[in-house]
Amino acid sequence: MSLEIYLNGDWVAKENAKVSIWDHGFLYGDGIFEGIRVYGGRIFKLDEHLERLYASAKGIDLAILLSKGKMKESVIETVRRNQLTEAYIRLIVSRGTGDLGIDPRKCRESTVVIMADKISVYPEETYRRGLKVMIASTRRNPPDSLNGRIKSLNYLNNILAKIEQIKQGLDEAIMLNHDGYLVEGTVENVFVVKGKKLLTPPCYLGALEGITRQTVIDLAPQLGLVAEEALLNSHDLYIADECFLTGTGAEIVPVIEVDGRGVGDGKPGKVTLAVLEAYRALTRQIGVPVYPKEQAKAV
């Protein structure tokens, strides 16, 4: 069965889902997106993702013609039409079709695409083995140039750091800002564990306000942990008791090595694994149900 893709109000077969080459999302990366997970037939944190999507749109002065309510219905229907219970949703809104100039006024209306399919960012063994990462020489865009709180289609800054990591044969790269403070990974937020504290960079440095990041912050008290925002640098990574990355696709993934230096005892730590267990348990407890029989269980 071919996947059905939502494209500007219609559902079309994957093979027929096409966007104009004049679309400014393609030409200039002018647009925004969200990545959302489905667990057990429930869409995890859908409302939070939509809030961030519309905030990103406002941040780049992009008009989304669908209301939040209609967008929510369309996301649910896309998952339902593809009969998925475990999936990753990619929701994209571009400026729309225009001309070869960058003037956004030439784009009459935005393009909306919703895709849902299976995903595995990291194999399960990675969560037992952990990641080996590096500090990238590519610095994160400063917020006064392109605010990291906007989840835009323009990921070239992150991709350049990713290229560095690939060439070094490592699993991921961590990005600093121009003052040398830790910001985030190429596609994840980052946490440093010191004792019972979970330390993560403040978003004003240029990091995305991650949905998974916030979920970890909310889960911390029930695990006997304290989550705090803190200014961190590469040294803090080197001397951390533990380190982990967070993201919708990655979930909670341990870091065991930074720039060739072992983190903690060089294997996934107890705190990290406890956070991962609590997070995965939560994903099975709450969410927006996709199928009618689940309606009564909605939280």
C-alpha atoms as a PDB file:
ATOM      1  CA  MET A   1       0.000   0.000   0.000  1.00  0.00           C
ATOM      2  CA  SER A   2       1.392   3.382  -1.002  1.00  0.00           C
ATOM      3  CA  LEU A   3       1.609   6.027   1.687  1.00  0.00           C
ATOM      4  CA  GLU A   4      -0.911   8.841   1.474  1.00  0.00           C
ATOM      5  CA  ILE A   5       0.492  12.345   1.860  1.00  0.00           C
ATOM      6  CA  TYR A   6      -1.511  15.425   2.831  1.00  0.00           C
ATOM      7  CA  LEU A   7      -0.766  18.148   0.290  1.00  0.00           C
ATOM      8  CA  ASN A   8      -2.674  21.434   0.412  1.00  0.00           C
ATOM      9  CA  GLY A   9      -6.007  19.966   1.400  1.00  0.00           C
ATOM     10  CA  ASP A  10      -5.840  16.675  -0.477  1.00  0.00           C
ATOM     11  CA  TRP A  11      -4.375  13.264   0.270  1.00  0.00           C
ATOM     12  CA  VAL A  12      -2.295  11.928  -2.597  1.00  0.00           C
ATOM     13  CA  ALA A  13      -0.179   8.824  -3.132  1.00  0.00           C
ATOM     14  CA  LYS A  14       3.466   9.186  -2.131  1.00  0.00           C
ATOM     15  CA  GLU A  15       4.520   8.810  -5.776  1.00  0.00           C
ATOM     16  CA  ASN A  16       2.283  11.726  -6.811  1.00  0.00           C
ATOM     17  CA  ALA A  17       3.082  14.087  -3.939  1.00  0.00           C
ATOM     18  CA  LYS A  18       4.942  16.901  -5.680  1.00  0.00           C
ATOM     19  CA  VAL A  19       5.703  20.515  -4.820  1.00  0.00           C
ATOM     20  CA  SER A  20       6.524  23.165  -7.422  1.00  0.00           C
ATOM     21  CA  ILE A  21      10.195  23.944  -8.053  1.00  0.00           C
ATOM     22  CA  TRP A  22       9.107  27.586  -7.682  1.00  0.00           C
ATOM     23  CA  ASP A  23       8.134  26.955  -4.063  1.00  0.00           C
ATOM     24  CA  HIS A  24      10.228  29.164  -1.803  1.00  0.00           C
ATOM     25  CA  GLY A  25      10.689  26.297   0.617  1.00  0.00           C
ATOM     26  CA  PHE A  26      12.670  24.554  -2.121  1.00  0.00           C
ATOM     27  CA  LEU A  27      14.330  27.660  -3.527  1.00  0.00           C
ATOM     28  CA  TYR A  28      15.318  29.372  -0.271  1.00  0.00           C
ATOM     29  CA  GLY A  29      14.484  27.160   2.695  1.00  0.00           C
ATOM     30  CA  ASP A  30      11.716  29.648   3.486  1.00  0.00           C
ATOM     31  CA  GLY A  31       9.402  27.703   5.755  1.00  0.00           C
ATOM     32  CA  ILE A  32       9.007  25.774   8.987  1.00  0.00           C
ATOM     33  CA  PHE A  33       8.415  22.203  10.091  1.00  0.00           C
ATOM     34  CA  GLU A  34       7.687  19.882  12.997  1.00  0.00           C
ATOM     35  CA  GLY A  35       8.647  16.272  13.687  1.00  0.00           C
ATOM     36  CA  ILE A  36       6.055  14.418  15.789  1.00  0.00           C
ATOM     37  CA  ARG A  37       5.894  10.828  17.064  1.00  0.00           C
ATOM     38  CA  VAL A  38       3.094   8.295  17.223  1.00  0.00           C
ATOM     39  CA  TYR A  39       3.255   5.642  19.944  1.00  0.00           C
ATOM     40  CA  GLY A  40       0.694   2.849  20.206  1.00  0.00           C
ATOM     41  CA  GLY A  41      -1.818   4.706  18.049  1.00  0.00           C
ATOM     42  CA  ARG A  42      -1.512   7.958  20.014  1.00  0.00           C
ATOM     43  CA  ILE A  43       0.183  11.148  18.816  1.00  0.00           C
ATOM     44  CA  PHE A  44       2.564  12.297  21.531  1.00  0.00           C
ATOM     45  CA  LYS A  45       2.481  15.970  22.538  1.00  0.00           C
ATOM     46  CA  LEU A  46       0.580  16.961  19.376  1.00  0.00           C
ATOM     47  CA  ASP A  47      -0.815  20.176  20.852  1.00  0.00           C
ATOM     48  CA  GLU A  48       2.651  21.273  22.000  1.00  0.00           C
ATOM     49  CA  HIS A  49       4.096  20.623  18.538  1.00  0.00           C
ATOM     50  CA  LEU A  50       1.328  22.614  16.886  1.00  0.00           C
ATOM     51  CA  GLU A  51       1.844  25.497  19.321  1.00  0.00           C
ATOM     52  CA  ARG A  52       5.515  25.567  18.340  1.00  0.00           C
ATOM     53  CA  LEU A  53       4.690  25.310  14.632  1.00  0.00           C
ATOM     54  CA  TYR A  54       2.405  28.344  14.735  1.00  0.00           C
ATOM     55  CA  ALA A  55       4.904  30.235  16.894  1.00  0.00           C
ATOM     56  CA  SER A  56       7.628  29.512  14.307  1.00  0.00           C
ATOM     57  CA  ALA A  57       5.277  30.739  11.581  1.00  0.00           C
ATOM     58  CA  LYS A  58       4.676  33.974  13.438  1.00  0.00           C
ATOM     59  CA  GLY A  59       8.418  34.331  13.968  1.00  0.00           C
ATOM     60  CA  ILE A  60       9.027  34.446  10.196  1.00  0.00           C
ATOM     61  CA  ASP A  61       5.743  36.239   9.383  1.00  0.00           C
ATOM     62  CA  LEU A  62       4.344  33.218   7.549  1.00  0.00           C
ATOM     63  CA  ALA A  63       0.567  32.926   7.246  1.00  0.00           C
ATOM     64  CA  ILE A  64      -0.785  29.384   7.714  1.00  0.00           C
ATOM     65  CA  LEU A  65      -4.209  29.212   6.095  1.00  0.00           C
ATOM     66  CA  LEU A  66      -5.334  26.274   8.253  1.00  0.00           C
ATOM     67  CA  SER A  67      -6.510  26.902  11.793  1.00  0.00           C
ATOM     68  CA  LYS A  68      -4.800  24.933  14.562  1.00  0.00           C
ATOM     69  CA  GLY A  69      -7.950  22.849  14.899  1.00  0.00           C
ATOM     70  CA  LYS A  70      -8.045  21.975  11.204  1.00  0.00           C
ATOM     71  CA  MET A  71      -4.301  21.278  11.176  1.00  0.00           C
ATOM     72  CA  LYS A  72      -4.742  18.916  14.123  1.00  0.00           C
ATOM     73  CA  GLU A  73      -7.539  17.060  12.339  1.00  0.00           C
ATOM     74  CA  SER A  74      -5.394  16.786   9.205  1.00  0.00           C
ATOM     75  CA  VAL A  75      -2.437  15.351  11.124  1.00  0.00           C
ATOM     76  CA  ILE A  76      -4.641  12.740  12.792  1.00  0.00           C
ATOM     77  CA  GLU A  77      -6.305  11.824   9.503  1.00  0.00           C
ATOM     78  CA  THR A  78      -2.942  11.430   7.757  1.00  0.00           C
ATOM     79  CA  VAL A  79      -1.827   8.874  10.358  1.00  0.00           C
ATOM     80  CA  ARG A  80      -5.208   7.131  10.203  1.00  0.00           C
ATOM     81  CA  ARG A  81      -5.219   6.861   6.412  1.00  0.00           C
ATOM     82  CA  ASN A  82      -1.826   5.175   6.528  1.00  0.00           C
ATOM     83  CA  GLN A  83      -2.962   2.751   9.257  1.00  0.00           C
ATOM     84  CA  LEU A  84       0.039   3.509  11.449  1.00  0.00           C
ATOM     85  CA  THR A  85       0.363   2.913  15.181  1.00  0.00           C
ATOM     86  CA  GLU A  86       4.122   3.536  15.533  1.00  0.00           C
ATOM     87  CA  ALA A  87       5.293   6.376  13.308  1.00  0.00           C
ATOM     88  CA  TYR A  88       7.045   9.666  12.751  1.00  0.00           C
ATOM     89  CA  ILE A  89       5.088  12.619  11.344  1.00  0.00           C
ATOM     90  CA  ARG A  90       6.765  15.370   9.349  1.00  0.00           C
ATOM     91  CA  LEU A  91       4.616  18.505   9.104  1.00  0.00           C
ATOM     92  CA  ILE A  92       5.962  21.150   6.719  1.00  0.00           C
ATOM     93  CA  VAL A  93       4.699  24.629   5.911  1.00  0.00           C
ATOM     94  CA  SER A  94       6.585  26.604   3.268  1.00  0.00           C
ATOM     95  CA  ARG A  95       6.092  30.156   2.053  1.00  0.00           C
ATOM     96  CA  GLY A  96       4.565  28.712  -1.112  1.00  0.00           C
ATOM     97  CA  THR A  97       4.997  29.135  -4.853  1.00  0.00           C
ATOM     98  CA  GLY A  98       6.519  32.431  -5.993  1.00  0.00           C
ATOM     99  CA  ASP A  99       9.166  33.567  -8.461  1.00  0.00           C
ATOM    100  CA  LEU A 100      12.969  33.446  -8.542  1.00  0.00           C
ATOM    101  CA  GLY A 101      13.289  36.468  -6.260  1.00  0.00           C
ATOM    102  CA  ILE A 102      13.205  36.260  -2.475  1.00  0.00           C
ATOM    103  CA  ASP A 103      10.271  38.654  -2.056  1.00  0.00           C
ATOM    104  CA  PRO A 104       7.760  36.703   0.097  1.00  0.00           C
ATOM    105  CA  ARG A 105       4.895  38.854  -1.210  1.00  0.00           C
ATOM    106  CA  LYS A 106       5.155  36.960  -4.507  1.00  0.00           C
ATOM    107  CA  CYS A 107       4.024  33.768  -2.724  1.00  0.00           C
ATOM    108  CA  ARG A 108       0.241  33.930  -2.679  1.00  0.00           C
ATOM    109  CA  GLU A 109      -0.376  31.183  -0.135  1.00  0.00           C
ATOM    110  CA  SER A 110       1.630  28.752   1.944  1.00  0.00           C
ATOM    111  CA  THR A 111       2.215  25.107   1.041  1.00  0.00           C
ATOM    112  CA  VAL A 112       1.247  22.523   3.685  1.00  0.00           C
ATOM    113  CA  VAL A 113       2.563  18.951   3.593  1.00  0.00           C
ATOM    114  CA  ILE A 114       1.948  16.226   6.191  1.00  0.00           C
ATOM    115  CA  MET A 115       3.794  12.918   5.932  1.00  0.00           C
ATOM    116  CA  ALA A 116       3.701   9.939   8.290  1.00  0.00           C
ATOM    117  CA  ASP A 117       5.929   6.884   8.101  1.00  0.00           C
ATOM    118  CA  LYS A 118       8.040   4.598  10.265  1.00  0.00           C
ATOM    119  CA  ILE A 119      11.376   5.874  11.545  1.00  0.00           C
ATOM    120  CA  SER A 120      14.440   4.671  13.424  1.00  0.00           C
ATOM    121  CA  VAL A 121      16.898   7.501  14.083  1.00  0.00           C
ATOM    122  CA  TYR A 122      19.195   5.258  16.089  1.00  0.00           C
ATOM    123  CA  PRO A 123      19.135   1.445  16.332  1.00  0.00           C
ATOM    124  CA  GLU A 124      18.127   0.133  19.758  1.00  0.00           C
ATOM    125  CA  GLU A 125      21.692  -0.998  20.467  1.00  0.00           C
ATOM    126  CA  THR A 126      22.755   2.669  20.450  1.00  0.00           C
ATOM    127  CA  TYR A 127      20.813   3.251  23.663  1.00  0.00           C
ATOM    128  CA  ARG A 128      22.827   0.470  25.321  1.00  0.00           C
ATOM    129  CA  ARG A 129      26.151   1.462  23.716  1.00  0.00           C
ATOM    130  CA  GLY A 130      25.902   5.276  23.705  1.00  0.00           C
ATOM    131  CA  LEU A 131      27.139   7.919  21.271  1.00  0.00           C
ATOM    132  CA  LYS A 132      30.633   9.176  20.565  1.00  0.00           C
ATOM    133  CA  VAL A 133      30.423  12.876  19.737  1.00  0.00           C
ATOM    134  CA  MET A 134      32.639  15.854  18.958  1.00  0.00           C
ATOM    135  CA  ILE A 135      32.548  19.600  19.494  1.00  0.00           C
ATOM    136  CA  ALA A 136      31.987  21.054  16.017  1.00  0.00           C
ATOM    137  CA  SER A 137      34.068  23.970  14.762  1.00  0.00           C
ATOM    138  CA  THR A 138      30.905  25.254  13.033  1.00  0.00           C
ATOM    139  CA  ARG A 139      29.226  27.615  15.490  1.00  0.00           C
ATOM    140  CA  ARG A 140      25.472  27.843  15.992  1.00  0.00           C
ATOM    141  CA  ASN A 141      23.708  30.736  14.252  1.00  0.00           C
ATOM    142  CA  PRO A 142      23.400  33.664  16.670  1.00  0.00           C
ATOM    143  CA  PRO A 143      19.775  34.289  17.710  1.00  0.00           C
ATOM    144  CA  ASP A 144      19.844  37.828  16.302  1.00  0.00           C
ATOM    145  CA  SER A 145      20.572  36.350  12.847  1.00  0.00           C
ATOM    146  CA  LEU A 146      18.215  33.353  12.870  1.00  0.00           C
ATOM    147  CA  ASN A 147      16.585  32.558  16.188  1.00  0.00           C
ATOM    148  CA  GLY A 148      17.014  28.898  17.110  1.00  0.00           C
ATOM    149  CA  ARG A 149      13.515  28.888  18.596  1.00  0.00           C
ATOM    150  CA  ILE A 150      12.208  29.002  15.021  1.00  0.00           C
ATOM    151  CA  LYS A 151      12.169  25.470  13.627  1.00  0.00           C
ATOM    152  CA  SER A 152      12.863  26.549  10.074  1.00  0.00           C
ATOM    153  CA  LEU A 153      13.501  24.600   6.880  1.00  0.00           C
ATOM    154  CA  ASN A 154      16.962  26.174   6.717  1.00  0.00           C
ATOM    155  CA  TYR A 155      19.218  23.611   8.429  1.00  0.00           C
ATOM    156  CA  LEU A 156      22.442  24.367   6.576  1.00  0.00           C
ATOM    157  CA  ASN A 157      24.144  25.532   9.779  1.00  0.00           C
ATOM    158  CA  ASN A 158      23.405  22.169  11.417  1.00  0.00           C
ATOM    159  CA  ILE A 159      24.292  20.238   8.264  1.00  0.00           C
ATOM    160  CA  LEU A 160      27.766  21.771   8.155  1.00  0.00           C
ATOM    161  CA  ALA A 161      28.356  20.520  11.697  1.00  0.00           C
ATOM    162  CA  LYS A 162      26.940  17.131  10.693  1.00  0.00           C
ATOM    163  CA  ILE A 163      29.434  16.950   7.803  1.00  0.00           C
ATOM    164  CA  GLU A 164      32.293  17.539  10.267  1.00  0.00           C
ATOM    165  CA  GLN A 165      31.061  14.694  12.449  1.00  0.00           C
ATOM    166  CA  ILE A 166      30.629  12.308   9.525  1.00  0.00           C
ATOM    167  CA  LYS A 167      34.162  12.974   8.284  1.00  0.00           C
ATOM    168  CA  GLN A 168      35.486  12.194  11.766  1.00  0.00           C
ATOM    169  CA  GLY A 169      33.593   8.889  11.839  1.00  0.00           C
ATOM    170  CA  LEU A 170      31.611   9.876  14.928  1.00  0.00           C
ATOM    171  CA  ASP A 171      27.926   9.627  15.868  1.00  0.00           C
ATOM    172  CA  GLU A 172      26.968  13.262  16.443  1.00  0.00           C
ATOM    173  CA  ALA A 173      28.310  16.800  16.819  1.00  0.00           C
ATOM    174  CA  ILE A 174      27.697  19.322  19.584  1.00  0.00           C
ATOM    175  CA  MET A 175      27.516  22.983  18.604  1.00  0.00           C
ATOM    176  CA  LEU A 176      28.705  25.994  20.574  1.00  0.00           C
ATOM    177  CA  ASN A 177      27.694  29.607  20.084  1.00  0.00           C
ATOM    178  CA  HIS A 178      30.163  32.358  19.181  1.00  0.00           C
ATOM    179  CA  ASP A 179      30.936  32.956  22.868  1.00  0.00           C
ATOM    180  CA  GLY A 180      31.916  29.316  23.364  1.00  0.00           C
ATOM    181  CA  TYR A 181      28.800  28.284  25.255  1.00  0.00           C
ATOM    182  CA  LEU A 182      27.174  24.934  24.629  1.00  0.00           C
ATOM    183  CA  VAL A 183      23.955  25.210  22.583  1.00  0.00           C
ATOM    184  CA  GLU A 184      22.735  21.883  21.144  1.00  0.00           C
ATOM    185  CA  GLY A 185      23.500  18.929  18.892  1.00  0.00           C
ATOM    186  CA  THR A 186      22.829  19.025  15.164  1.00  0.00           C
ATOM    187  CA  VAL A 187      19.273  17.745  15.693  1.00  0.00           C
ATOM    188  CA  GLU A 188      18.932  17.337  19.453  1.00  0.00           C
ATOM    189  CA  ASN A 189      19.039  19.291  22.693  1.00  0.00           C
ATOM    190  CA  VAL A 190      21.751  18.381  25.188  1.00  0.00           C
ATOM    191  CA  PHE A 191      21.782  17.664  28.928  1.00  0.00           C
ATOM    192  CA  VAL A 192      24.753  17.381  31.283  1.00  0.00           C
ATOM    193  CA  VAL A 193      24.322  15.324  34.457  1.00  0.00           C
ATOM    194  CA  LYS A 194      26.150  16.456  37.618  1.00  0.00           C
ATOM    195  CA  GLY A 195      25.058  14.512  40.675  1.00  0.00           C
ATOM    196  CA  LYS A 196      21.288  14.861  40.897  1.00  0.00           C
ATOM    197  CA  LYS A 197      21.176  17.851  38.553  1.00  0.00           C
ATOM    198  CA  LEU A 198      20.198  17.830  34.881  1.00  0.00           C
ATOM    199  CA  LEU A 199      21.779  20.901  33.295  1.00  0.00           C
ATOM    200  CA  THR A 200      20.750  22.138  29.850  1.00  0.00           C
ATOM    201  CA  PRO A 201      21.626  25.314  27.913  1.00  0.00           C
ATOM    202  CA  PRO A 202      19.052  28.121  27.960  1.00  0.00           C
ATOM    203  CA  CYS A 203      17.284  28.606  24.658  1.00  0.00           C
ATOM    204  CA  TYR A 204      18.257  32.259  24.428  1.00  0.00           C
ATOM    205  CA  LEU A 205      21.728  31.062  23.386  1.00  0.00           C
ATOM    206  CA  GLY A 206      20.275  29.738  20.142  1.00  0.00           C
ATOM    207  CA  ALA A 207      18.859  26.321  21.022  1.00  0.00           C
ATOM    208  CA  LEU A 208      15.472  25.025  19.943  1.00  0.00           C
ATOM    209  CA  GLU A 209      12.780  24.878  22.615  1.00  0.00           C
ATOM    210  CA  GLY A 210      12.599  21.114  22.314  1.00  0.00           C
ATOM    211  CA  ILE A 211       9.385  19.282  23.175  1.00  0.00           C
ATOM    212  CA  THR A 212      11.410  16.318  24.451  1.00  0.00           C
ATOM    213  CA  ARG A 213      13.711  18.716  26.313  1.00  0.00           C
ATOM    214  CA  GLN A 214      10.738  20.184  28.167  1.00  0.00           C
ATOM    215  CA  THR A 215       9.321  16.722  28.843  1.00  0.00           C
ATOM    216  CA  VAL A 216      12.602  15.734  30.537  1.00  0.00           C
ATOM    217  CA  ILE A 217      12.511  18.907  32.624  1.00  0.00           C
ATOM    218  CA  ASP A 218       8.953  18.053  33.687  1.00  0.00           C
ATOM    219  CA  LEU A 219       9.861  14.424  34.504  1.00  0.00           C
ATOM    220  CA  ALA A 220      12.915  15.318  36.613  1.00  0.00           C
ATOM    221  CA  PRO A 221      11.168  15.856  40.001  1.00  0.00           C
ATOM    222  CA  GLN A 222       9.468  12.455  39.969  1.00  0.00           C
ATOM    223  CA  LEU A 223      12.889  10.881  39.442  1.00  0.00           C
ATOM    224  CA  GLY A 224      14.408  12.777  42.361  1.00  0.00           C
ATOM    225  CA  LEU A 225      16.329  15.043  40.004  1.00  0.00           C
ATOM    226  CA  VAL A 226      16.573  18.805  39.591  1.00  0.00           C
ATOM    227  CA  ALA A 227      16.520  20.180  36.031  1.00  0.00           C
ATOM    228  CA  GLU A 228      18.082  23.595  35.512  1.00  0.00           C
ATOM    229  CA  GLU A 229      19.144  25.811  32.650  1.00  0.00           C
ATOM    230  CA  ALA A 230      22.830  26.690  32.870  1.00  0.00           C
ATOM    231  CA  LEU A 231      25.622  28.287  30.865  1.00  0.00           C
ATOM    232  CA  LEU A 232      27.885  25.387  29.894  1.00  0.00           C
ATOM    233  CA  ASN A 233      31.024  25.024  27.814  1.00  0.00           C
ATOM    234  CA  SER A 234      33.076  22.158  26.399  1.00  0.00           C
ATOM    235  CA  HIS A 235      34.853  21.663  29.733  1.00  0.00           C
ATOM    236  CA  ASP A 236      31.505  20.957  31.394  1.00  0.00           C
ATOM    237  CA  LEU A 237      30.954  18.167  28.884  1.00  0.00           C
ATOM    238  CA  TYR A 238      34.400  16.700  29.515  1.00  0.00           C
ATOM    239  CA  ILE A 239      33.906  16.533  33.297  1.00  0.00           C
ATOM    240  CA  ALA A 240      30.204  15.573  33.304  1.00  0.00           C
ATOM    241  CA  ASP A 241      29.050  12.569  35.310  1.00  0.00           C
ATOM    242  CA  GLU A 242      26.805  11.728  32.362  1.00  0.00           C
ATOM    243  CA  CYS A 243      25.524  13.361  29.193  1.00  0.00           C
ATOM    244  CA  PHE A 244      22.534  12.698  26.980  1.00  0.00           C
ATOM    245  CA  LEU A 245      20.791  14.181  23.960  1.00  0.00           C
ATOM    246  CA  THR A 246      17.042  14.637  23.550  1.00  0.00           C
ATOM    247  CA  GLY A 247      14.810  14.890  20.504  1.00  0.00           C
ATOM    248  CA  THR A 248      11.525  13.695  19.097  1.00  0.00           C
ATOM    249  CA  GLY A 249      13.215  11.214  16.782  1.00  0.00           C
ATOM    250  CA  ALA A 250      16.129  10.286  19.045  1.00  0.00           C
ATOM    251  CA  GLU A 251      14.150  10.288  22.334  1.00  0.00           C
ATOM    252  CA  ILE A 252      16.808  10.136  25.109  1.00  0.00           C
ATOM    253  CA  VAL A 253      20.165   8.909  23.811  1.00  0.00           C
ATOM    254  CA  PRO A 254      23.287   8.551  26.005  1.00  0.00           C
ATOM    255  CA  VAL A 255      26.625  10.175  25.170  1.00  0.00           C
ATOM    256  CA  ILE A 256      29.680   8.203  26.310  1.00  0.00           C
ATOM    257  CA  GLU A 257      32.525  10.125  24.684  1.00  0.00           C
ATOM    258  CA  VAL A 258      33.236  13.765  23.745  1.00  0.00           C
ATOM    259  CA  ASP A 259      36.302  14.674  21.657  1.00  0.00           C
ATOM    260  CA  GLY A 260      37.885  11.341  22.511  1.00  0.00           C
ATOM    261  CA  ARG A 261      37.364  11.828  26.269  1.00  0.00           C
ATOM    262  CA  GLY A 262      35.167   9.318  28.053  1.00  0.00           C
ATOM    263  CA  VAL A 263      32.113  10.749  29.786  1.00  0.00           C
ATOM    264  CA  GLY A 264      31.783   9.376  33.316  1.00  0.00           C
ATOM    265  CA  ASP A 265      32.759   5.719  33.233  1.00  0.00           C
ATOM    266  CA  GLY A 266      32.426   5.575  29.446  1.00  0.00           C
ATOM    267  CA  LYS A 267      29.041   3.856  29.286  1.00  0.00           C
ATOM    268  CA  PRO A 268      25.403   4.959  29.518  1.00  0.00           C
ATOM    269  CA  GLY A 269      24.816   6.194  33.051  1.00  0.00           C
ATOM    270  CA  LYS A 270      22.147   5.264  35.569  1.00  0.00           C
ATOM    271  CA  VAL A 271      20.520   8.693  35.526  1.00  0.00           C
ATOM    272  CA  THR A 272      20.344   8.753  31.736  1.00  0.00           C
ATOM    273  CA  LEU A 273      18.809   5.283  31.604  1.00  0.00           C
ATOM    274  CA  ALA A 274      16.280   6.220  34.302  1.00  0.00           C
ATOM    275  CA  VAL A 275      15.245   9.294  32.298  1.00  0.00           C
ATOM    276  CA  LEU A 276      14.942   7.187  29.137  1.00  0.00           C
ATOM    277  CA  GLU A 277      12.777   4.613  30.930  1.00  0.00           C
ATOM    278  CA  ALA A 278      10.493   7.287  32.381  1.00  0.00           C
ATOM    279  CA  TYR A 279      10.205   9.047  29.040  1.00  0.00           C
ATOM    280  CA  ARG A 280       9.306   5.877  27.145  1.00  0.00           C
ATOM    281  CA  ALA A 281       6.739   4.976  29.793  1.00  0.00           C
ATOM    282  CA  LEU A 282       5.130   8.402  29.417  1.00  0.00           C
ATOM    283  CA  THR A 283       4.888   8.060  25.629  1.00  0.00           C
ATOM    284  CA  ARG A 284       2.685   5.000  26.192  1.00  0.00           C
ATOM    285  CA  GLN A 285       0.441   6.722  28.706  1.00  0.00           C
ATOM    286  CA  ILE A 286      -0.594   9.967  27.039  1.00  0.00           C
ATOM    287  CA  GLY A 287      -1.319  11.289  23.579  1.00  0.00           C
ATOM    288  CA  VAL A 288      -4.031  12.178  21.100  1.00  0.00           C
ATOM    289  CA  PRO A 289      -5.738   8.973  19.904  1.00  0.00           C
ATOM    290  CA  VAL A 290      -5.748   8.308  16.179  1.00  0.00           C
ATOM    291  CA  TYR A 291      -8.368   5.580  16.052  1.00  0.00           C
ATOM    292  CA  PRO A 292     -11.944   5.796  17.447  1.00  0.00           C
ATOM    293  CA  LYS A 293     -11.561   2.895  19.878  1.00  0.00           C
ATOM    294  CA  GLU A 294      -8.848   4.864  21.660  1.00  0.00           C
ATOM    295  CA  GLN A 295     -10.960   7.975  22.195  1.00  0.00           C
ATOM    296  CA  ALA A 296     -12.010   6.962  25.715  1.00  0.00           C
ATOM    297  CA  LYS A 297      -8.373   6.542  26.775  1.00  0.00           C
ATOM    298  CA  ALA A 298      -7.235  10.016  25.740  1.00  0.00           C
ATOM    299  CA  VAL A 299      -5.363  12.024  28.323  1.00  0.00           C
END
